Amino acid sequence: MDKFTLFKKHKLQEYLEREATEGLEKAICTFYNIENSTDLTEDQINHLDELSNSEEDGYIRMAYTNIINNWDHNQEN
């Protein structure tokens, strides 16, 4: 009997991370009534950081981190 082997696991992981980040960003932007997550305030980002630290799901936690890091990067520029 043939046994399944997942090839290109990293491609699936990248896809899942991207989907989680896009989905979470859309939910955040809808909630705060903003166009882009870079429009968040520092207080809002701090709150998202708190949520990230308590999140158990790895992909959702990673999505929070991606959004926060993107916000930080845009604040520096």
PDB file of N, CA and C in Angstrom:
ATOM      1  N   MET A   1       0.843  -1.183   0.000  1.00  0.00           N
ATOM      2  CA  MET A   1       0.000   0.000   0.000  1.00  0.00           C
ATOM      3  C   MET A   1       0.885   1.241   0.000  1.00  0.00           C
ATOM      4  N   ASP A   2       0.549   2.198  -0.864  1.00  0.00           N
ATOM      5  CA  ASP A   2       1.294   3.452  -0.917  1.00  0.00           C
ATOM      6  C   ASP A   2       0.982   4.289   0.313  1.00  0.00           C
ATOM      7  N   LYS A   3       1.992   4.986   0.815  1.00  0.00           N
ATOM      8  CA  LYS A   3       1.813   5.868   1.964  1.00  0.00           C
ATOM      9  C   LYS A   3       2.019   7.303   1.509  1.00  0.00           C
ATOM     10  N   PHE A   4       1.124   8.161   1.980  1.00  0.00           N
ATOM     11  CA  PHE A   4       1.172   9.573   1.602  1.00  0.00           C
ATOM     12  C   PHE A   4       2.378  10.254   2.236  1.00  0.00           C
ATOM     13  N   THR A   5       3.043  11.077   1.443  1.00  0.00           N
ATOM     14  CA  THR A   5       4.124  11.920   1.928  1.00  0.00           C
ATOM     15  C   THR A   5       3.851  13.344   1.454  1.00  0.00           C
ATOM     16  N   LEU A   6       3.909  14.276   2.384  1.00  0.00           N
ATOM     17  CA  LEU A   6       3.677  15.678   2.033  1.00  0.00           C
ATOM     18  C   LEU A   6       4.976  16.285   1.540  1.00  0.00           C
ATOM     19  N   PHE A   7       4.983  16.636   0.280  1.00  0.00           N
ATOM     20  CA  PHE A   7       6.133  17.300  -0.308  1.00  0.00           C
ATOM     21  C   PHE A   7       5.898  18.807  -0.254  1.00  0.00           C
ATOM     22  N   LYS A   8       6.953  19.550  -0.196  1.00  0.00           N
ATOM     23  CA  LYS A   8       6.888  21.015  -0.162  1.00  0.00           C
ATOM     24  C   LYS A   8       6.038  21.509   1.014  1.00  0.00           C
ATOM     25  N   LYS A   9       6.288  20.930   2.169  1.00  0.00           N
ATOM     26  CA  LYS A   9       5.559  21.307   3.377  1.00  0.00           C
ATOM     27  C   LYS A   9       5.675  22.811   3.641  1.00  0.00           C
ATOM     28  N   HIS A  10       6.856  23.365   3.385  1.00  0.00           N
ATOM     29  CA  HIS A  10       7.076  24.794   3.622  1.00  0.00           C
ATOM     30  C   HIS A  10       6.153  25.655   2.770  1.00  0.00           C
ATOM     31  N   LYS A  11       5.809  25.193   1.570  1.00  0.00           N
ATOM     32  CA  LYS A  11       4.893  25.957   0.709  1.00  0.00           C
ATOM     33  C   LYS A  11       3.501  26.006   1.331  1.00  0.00           C
ATOM     34  N   LEU A  12       3.060  24.905   1.896  1.00  0.00           N
ATOM     35  CA  LEU A  12       1.764  24.866   2.564  1.00  0.00           C
ATOM     36  C   LEU A  12       1.777  25.746   3.800  1.00  0.00           C
ATOM     37  N   GLN A  13       2.856  25.710   4.551  1.00  0.00           N
ATOM     38  CA  GLN A  13       2.969  26.544   5.746  1.00  0.00           C
ATOM     39  C   GLN A  13       2.958  28.024   5.379  1.00  0.00           C
ATOM     40  N   GLU A  14       3.666  28.401   4.324  1.00  0.00           N
ATOM     41  CA  GLU A  14       3.669  29.795   3.875  1.00  0.00           C
ATOM     42  C   GLU A  14       2.266  30.228   3.465  1.00  0.00           C
ATOM     43  N   TYR A  15       1.559  29.352   2.762  1.00  0.00           N
ATOM     44  CA  TYR A  15       0.194  29.644   2.338  1.00  0.00           C
ATOM     45  C   TYR A  15      -0.718  29.849   3.542  1.00  0.00           C
ATOM     46  N   LEU A  16      -0.636  28.962   4.522  1.00  0.00           N
ATOM     47  CA  LEU A  16      -1.473  29.062   5.717  1.00  0.00           C
ATOM     48  C   LEU A  16      -1.166  30.331   6.507  1.00  0.00           C
ATOM     49  N   GLU A  17       0.120  30.674   6.612  1.00  0.00           N
ATOM     50  CA  GLU A  17       0.501  31.908   7.305  1.00  0.00           C
ATOM     51  C   GLU A  17      -0.052  33.130   6.590  1.00  0.00           C
ATOM     52  N   ARG A  18       0.062  33.150   5.277  1.00  0.00           N
ATOM     53  CA  ARG A  18      -0.430  34.288   4.481  1.00  0.00           C
ATOM     54  C   ARG A  18      -1.953  34.410   4.612  1.00  0.00           C
ATOM     55  N   GLU A  19      -2.665  33.300   4.532  1.00  0.00           N
ATOM     56  CA  GLU A  19      -4.122  33.316   4.659  1.00  0.00           C
ATOM     57  C   GLU A  19      -4.551  33.779   6.050  1.00  0.00           C
ATOM     58  N   ALA A  20      -3.868  33.294   7.085  1.00  0.00           N
ATOM     59  CA  ALA A  20      -4.193  33.699   8.458  1.00  0.00           C
ATOM     60  C   ALA A  20      -3.955  35.187   8.647  1.00  0.00           C
ATOM     61  N   THR A  21      -2.845  35.683   8.125  1.00  0.00           N
ATOM     62  CA  THR A  21      -2.510  37.103   8.269  1.00  0.00           C
ATOM     63  C   THR A  21      -3.522  37.975   7.529  1.00  0.00           C
ATOM     64  N   GLU A  22      -3.849  37.603   6.310  1.00  0.00           N
ATOM     65  CA  GLU A  22      -4.815  38.389   5.537  1.00  0.00           C
ATOM     66  C   GLU A  22      -6.194  38.367   6.184  1.00  0.00           C
ATOM     67  N   GLY A  23      -6.613  37.215   6.674  1.00  0.00           N
ATOM     68  CA  GLY A  23      -7.912  37.103   7.317  1.00  0.00           C
ATOM     69  C   GLY A  23      -7.998  37.899   8.601  1.00  0.00           C
ATOM     70  N   LEU A  24      -6.952  37.820   9.424  1.00  0.00           N
ATOM     71  CA  LEU A  24      -6.929  38.563  10.674  1.00  0.00           C
ATOM     72  C   LEU A  24      -6.855  40.061  10.409  1.00  0.00           C
ATOM     73  N   GLU A  25      -6.051  40.464   9.431  1.00  0.00           N
ATOM     74  CA  GLU A  25      -5.949  41.889   9.108  1.00  0.00           C
ATOM     75  C   GLU A  25      -7.297  42.429   8.639  1.00  0.00           C
ATOM     76  N   LYS A  26      -8.006  41.667   7.836  1.00  0.00           N
ATOM     77  CA  LYS A  26      -9.322  42.099   7.366  1.00  0.00           C
ATOM     78  C   LYS A  26     -10.275  42.261   8.550  1.00  0.00           C
ATOM     79  N   ALA A  27     -10.252  41.307   9.477  1.00  0.00           N
ATOM     80  CA  ALA A  27     -11.132  41.379  10.655  1.00  0.00           C
ATOM     81  C   ALA A  27     -10.791  42.586  11.525  1.00  0.00           C
ATOM     82  N   ILE A  28      -9.500  42.847  11.703  1.00  0.00           N
ATOM     83  CA  ILE A  28      -9.053  43.992  12.506  1.00  0.00           C
ATOM     84  C   ILE A  28      -9.464  45.301  11.840  1.00  0.00           C
ATOM     85  N   CYS A  29      -9.236  45.408  10.549  1.00  0.00           N
ATOM     86  CA  CYS A  29      -9.582  46.637   9.832  1.00  0.00           C
ATOM     87  C   CYS A  29     -11.093  46.880   9.856  1.00  0.00           C
ATOM     88  N   THR A  30     -11.868  45.834   9.728  1.00  0.00           N
ATOM     89  CA  THR A  30     -13.323  45.964   9.800  1.00  0.00           C
ATOM     90  C   THR A  30     -13.739  46.426  11.193  1.00  0.00           C
ATOM     91  N   PHE A  31     -13.167  45.817  12.227  1.00  0.00           N
ATOM     92  CA  PHE A  31     -13.521  46.169  13.596  1.00  0.00           C
ATOM     93  C   PHE A  31     -13.200  47.626  13.903  1.00  0.00           C
ATOM     94  N   TYR A  32     -11.993  48.070  13.513  1.00  0.00           N
ATOM     95  CA  TYR A  32     -11.565  49.434  13.808  1.00  0.00           C
ATOM     96  C   TYR A  32     -11.977  50.441  12.743  1.00  0.00           C
ATOM     97  N   ASN A  33     -12.659  49.965  11.689  1.00  0.00           N
ATOM     98  CA  ASN A  33     -13.129  50.827  10.609  1.00  0.00           C
ATOM     99  C   ASN A  33     -11.986  51.632   9.984  1.00  0.00           C
ATOM    100  N   ILE A  34     -10.940  50.907   9.600  1.00  0.00           N
ATOM    101  CA  ILE A  34      -9.772  51.512   8.956  1.00  0.00           C
ATOM    102  C   ILE A  34      -9.511  50.793   7.640  1.00  0.00           C
ATOM    103  N   GLU A  35      -8.727  51.425   6.783  1.00  0.00           N
ATOM    104  CA  GLU A  35      -8.404  50.852   5.474  1.00  0.00           C
ATOM    105  C   GLU A  35      -7.273  49.831   5.538  1.00  0.00           C
ATOM    106  N   ASN A  36      -6.305  50.095   6.424  1.00  0.00           N
ATOM    107  CA  ASN A  36      -5.106  49.266   6.473  1.00  0.00           C
ATOM    108  C   ASN A  36      -4.636  49.146   7.908  1.00  0.00           C
ATOM    109  N   SER A  37      -4.031  48.033   8.249  1.00  0.00           N
ATOM    110  CA  SER A  37      -3.563  47.839   9.624  1.00  0.00           C
ATOM    111  C   SER A  37      -2.465  48.821  10.011  1.00  0.00           C
ATOM    112  N   THR A  38      -1.824  49.440   9.034  1.00  0.00           N
ATOM    113  CA  THR A  38      -0.813  50.452   9.355  1.00  0.00           C
ATOM    114  C   THR A  38      -1.459  51.728   9.901  1.00  0.00           C
ATOM    115  N   ASP A  39      -2.795  51.828   9.794  1.00  0.00           N
ATOM    116  CA  ASP A  39      -3.525  52.974  10.330  1.00  0.00           C
ATOM    117  C   ASP A  39      -3.888  52.804  11.811  1.00  0.00           C
ATOM    118  N   LEU A  40      -3.531  51.680  12.387  1.00  0.00           N
ATOM    119  CA  LEU A  40      -3.820  51.448  13.801  1.00  0.00           C
ATOM    120  C   LEU A  40      -3.026  52.404  14.684  1.00  0.00           C
ATOM    121  N   THR A  41      -3.563  52.679  15.862  1.00  0.00           N
ATOM    122  CA  THR A  41      -2.843  53.513  16.820  1.00  0.00           C
ATOM    123  C   THR A  41      -1.899  52.634  17.648  1.00  0.00           C
ATOM    124  N   GLU A  42      -1.023  53.272  18.357  1.00  0.00           N
ATOM    125  CA  GLU A  42      -0.101  52.527  19.209  1.00  0.00           C
ATOM    126  C   GLU A  42      -0.861  51.756  20.299  1.00  0.00           C
ATOM    127  N   ASP A  43      -1.888  52.357  20.856  1.00  0.00           N
ATOM    128  CA  ASP A  43      -2.700  51.666  21.863  1.00  0.00           C
ATOM    129  C   ASP A  43      -3.375  50.425  21.281  1.00  0.00           C
ATOM    130  N   GLN A  44      -3.874  50.549  20.074  1.00  0.00           N
ATOM    131  CA  GLN A  44      -4.506  49.399  19.426  1.00  0.00           C
ATOM    132  C   GLN A  44      -3.483  48.294  19.161  1.00  0.00           C
ATOM    133  N   ILE A  45      -2.302  48.672  18.722  1.00  0.00           N
ATOM    134  CA  ILE A  45      -1.237  47.695  18.488  1.00  0.00           C
ATOM    135  C   ILE A  45      -0.853  47.012  19.793  1.00  0.00           C
ATOM    136  N   ASN A  46      -0.762  47.776  20.871  1.00  0.00           N
ATOM    137  CA  ASN A  46      -0.435  47.186  22.172  1.00  0.00           C
ATOM    138  C   ASN A  46      -1.496  46.175  22.591  1.00  0.00           C
ATOM    139  N   HIS A  47      -2.753  46.489  22.319  1.00  0.00           N
ATOM    140  CA  HIS A  47      -3.825  45.555  22.629  1.00  0.00           C
ATOM    141  C   HIS A  47      -3.700  44.280  21.786  1.00  0.00           C
ATOM    142  N   LEU A  48      -3.400  44.435  20.509  1.00  0.00           N
ATOM    143  CA  LEU A  48      -3.210  43.272  19.642  1.00  0.00           C
ATOM    144  C   LEU A  48      -2.031  42.430  20.102  1.00  0.00           C
ATOM    145  N   ASP A  49      -0.993  43.075  20.597  1.00  0.00           N
ATOM    146  CA  ASP A  49       0.159  42.353  21.132  1.00  0.00           C
ATOM    147  C   ASP A  49      -0.247  41.516  22.343  1.00  0.00           C
ATOM    148  N   GLU A  50      -1.083  42.078  23.206  1.00  0.00           N
ATOM    149  CA  GLU A  50      -1.591  41.327  24.359  1.00  0.00           C
ATOM    150  C   GLU A  50      -2.405  40.116  23.894  1.00  0.00           C
ATOM    151  N   LEU A  51      -3.251  40.328  22.890  1.00  0.00           N
ATOM    152  CA  LEU A  51      -4.043  39.221  22.353  1.00  0.00           C
ATOM    153  C   LEU A  51      -3.138  38.149  21.759  1.00  0.00           C
ATOM    154  N   SER A  52      -2.104  38.580  21.069  1.00  0.00           N
ATOM    155  CA  SER A  52      -1.158  37.647  20.465  1.00  0.00           C
ATOM    156  C   SER A  52      -0.487  36.779  21.526  1.00  0.00           C
ATOM    157  N   ASN A  53      -0.098  37.402  22.623  1.00  0.00           N
ATOM    158  CA  ASN A  53       0.593  36.662  23.684  1.00  0.00           C
ATOM    159  C   ASN A  53      -0.290  35.618  24.355  1.00  0.00           C
ATOM    160  N   SER A  54      -1.602  35.823  24.307  1.00  0.00           N
ATOM    161  CA  SER A  54      -2.506  34.857  24.928  1.00  0.00           C
ATOM    162  C   SER A  54      -3.111  33.879  23.914  1.00  0.00           C
ATOM    163  N   GLU A  55      -2.806  34.066  22.639  1.00  0.00           N
ATOM    164  CA  GLU A  55      -3.359  33.205  21.589  1.00  0.00           C
ATOM    165  C   GLU A  55      -2.663  31.845  21.587  1.00  0.00           C
ATOM    166  N   GLU A  56      -3.453  30.788  21.558  1.00  0.00           N
ATOM    167  CA  GLU A  56      -2.897  29.432  21.573  1.00  0.00           C
ATOM    168  C   GLU A  56      -2.604  28.901  20.176  1.00  0.00           C
ATOM    169  N   ASP A  57      -3.384  29.329  19.186  1.00  0.00           N
ATOM    170  CA  ASP A  57      -3.185  28.835  17.827  1.00  0.00           C
ATOM    171  C   ASP A  57      -1.937  29.462  17.210  1.00  0.00           C
ATOM    172  N   GLY A  58      -1.048  28.644  16.724  1.00  0.00           N
ATOM    173  CA  GLY A  58       0.222  29.105  16.176  1.00  0.00           C
ATOM    174  C   GLY A  58       0.080  30.012  14.968  1.00  0.00           C
ATOM    175  N   TYR A  59      -0.836  29.682  14.062  1.00  0.00           N
ATOM    176  CA  TYR A  59      -0.987  30.504  12.862  1.00  0.00           C
ATOM    177  C   TYR A  59      -1.622  31.844  13.182  1.00  0.00           C
ATOM    178  N   ILE A  60      -2.573  31.863  14.099  1.00  0.00           N
ATOM    179  CA  ILE A  60      -3.189  33.138  14.475  1.00  0.00           C
ATOM    180  C   ILE A  60      -2.186  34.001  15.229  1.00  0.00           C
ATOM    181  N   ARG A  61      -1.412  33.391  16.110  1.00  0.00           N
ATOM    182  CA  ARG A  61      -0.370  34.137  16.833  1.00  0.00           C
ATOM    183  C   ARG A  61       0.638  34.709  15.838  1.00  0.00           C
ATOM    184  N   MET A  62       1.007  33.913  14.834  1.00  0.00           N
ATOM    185  CA  MET A  62       1.939  34.372  13.810  1.00  0.00           C
ATOM    186  C   MET A  62       1.335  35.510  12.998  1.00  0.00           C
ATOM    187  N   ALA A  63       0.036  35.446  12.736  1.00  0.00           N
ATOM    188  CA  ALA A  63      -0.640  36.507  11.988  1.00  0.00           C
ATOM    189  C   ALA A  63      -0.616  37.816  12.768  1.00  0.00           C
ATOM    190  N   TYR A  64      -0.904  37.734  14.079  1.00  0.00           N
ATOM    191  CA  TYR A  64      -0.799  38.934  14.924  1.00  0.00           C
ATOM    192  C   TYR A  64       0.611  39.513  14.837  1.00  0.00           C
ATOM    193  N   THR A  65       1.600  38.646  14.960  1.00  0.00           N
ATOM    194  CA  THR A  65       3.001  39.093  14.926  1.00  0.00           C
ATOM    195  C   THR A  65       3.323  39.760  13.598  1.00  0.00           C
ATOM    196  N   ASN A  66       2.862  39.184  12.500  1.00  0.00           N
ATOM    197  CA  ASN A  66       3.108  39.780  11.176  1.00  0.00           C
ATOM    198  C   ASN A  66       2.494  41.167  11.064  1.00  0.00           C
ATOM    199  N   ILE A  67       1.279  41.319  11.554  1.00  0.00           N
ATOM    200  CA  ILE A  67       0.593  42.615  11.489  1.00  0.00           C
ATOM    201  C   ILE A  67       1.306  43.643  12.363  1.00  0.00           C
ATOM    202  N   ILE A  68       1.694  43.240  13.555  1.00  0.00           N
ATOM    203  CA  ILE A  68       2.399  44.144  14.473  1.00  0.00           C
ATOM    204  C   ILE A  68       3.756  44.542  13.891  1.00  0.00           C
ATOM    205  N   ASN A  69       4.482  43.574  13.352  1.00  0.00           N
ATOM    206  CA  ASN A  69       5.798  43.871  12.759  1.00  0.00           C
ATOM    207  C   ASN A  69       5.669  44.797  11.561  1.00  0.00           C
ATOM    208  N   ASN A  70       4.642  44.580  10.748  1.00  0.00           N
ATOM    209  CA  ASN A  70       4.414  45.457   9.597  1.00  0.00           C
ATOM    210  C   ASN A  70       4.103  46.875  10.067  1.00  0.00           C
ATOM    211  N   TRP A  71       3.298  47.000  11.116  1.00  0.00           N
ATOM    212  CA  TRP A  71       2.978  48.313  11.685  1.00  0.00           C
ATOM    213  C   TRP A  71       4.253  48.988  12.182  1.00  0.00           C
ATOM    214  N   ASP A  72       5.060  48.252  12.946  1.00  0.00           N
ATOM    215  CA  ASP A  72       6.331  48.797  13.464  1.00  0.00           C
ATOM    216  C   ASP A  72       7.223  49.273  12.321  1.00  0.00           C
ATOM    217  N   HIS A  73       7.330  48.466  11.281  1.00  0.00           N
ATOM    218  CA  HIS A  73       8.181  48.817  10.132  1.00  0.00           C
ATOM    219  C   HIS A  73       7.701  50.106   9.480  1.00  0.00           C
ATOM    220  N   ASN A  74       6.390  50.268   9.345  1.00  0.00           N
ATOM    221  CA  ASN A  74       5.844  51.471   8.721  1.00  0.00           C
ATOM    222  C   ASN A  74       5.983  52.705   9.607  1.00  0.00           C
ATOM    223  N   GLN A  75       6.065  52.525  10.911  1.00  0.00           N
ATOM    224  CA  GLN A  75       6.261  53.648  11.809  1.00  0.00           C
ATOM    225  C   GLN A  75       7.691  54.184  11.727  1.00  0.00           C
ATOM    226  N   GLU A  76       8.615  53.311  11.405  1.00  0.00           N
ATOM    227  CA  GLU A  76      10.030  53.693  11.303  1.00  0.00           C
ATOM    228  C   GLU A  76      10.302  54.482  10.027  1.00  0.00           C
ATOM    229  N   ASN A  77       9.472  54.276   9.007  1.00  0.00           N
ATOM    230  CA  ASN A  77       9.707  54.937   7.714  1.00  0.00           C
ATOM    231  C   ASN A  77       9.006  56.261   7.604  1.00  0.00           C
TER     232      ASN A  77
END
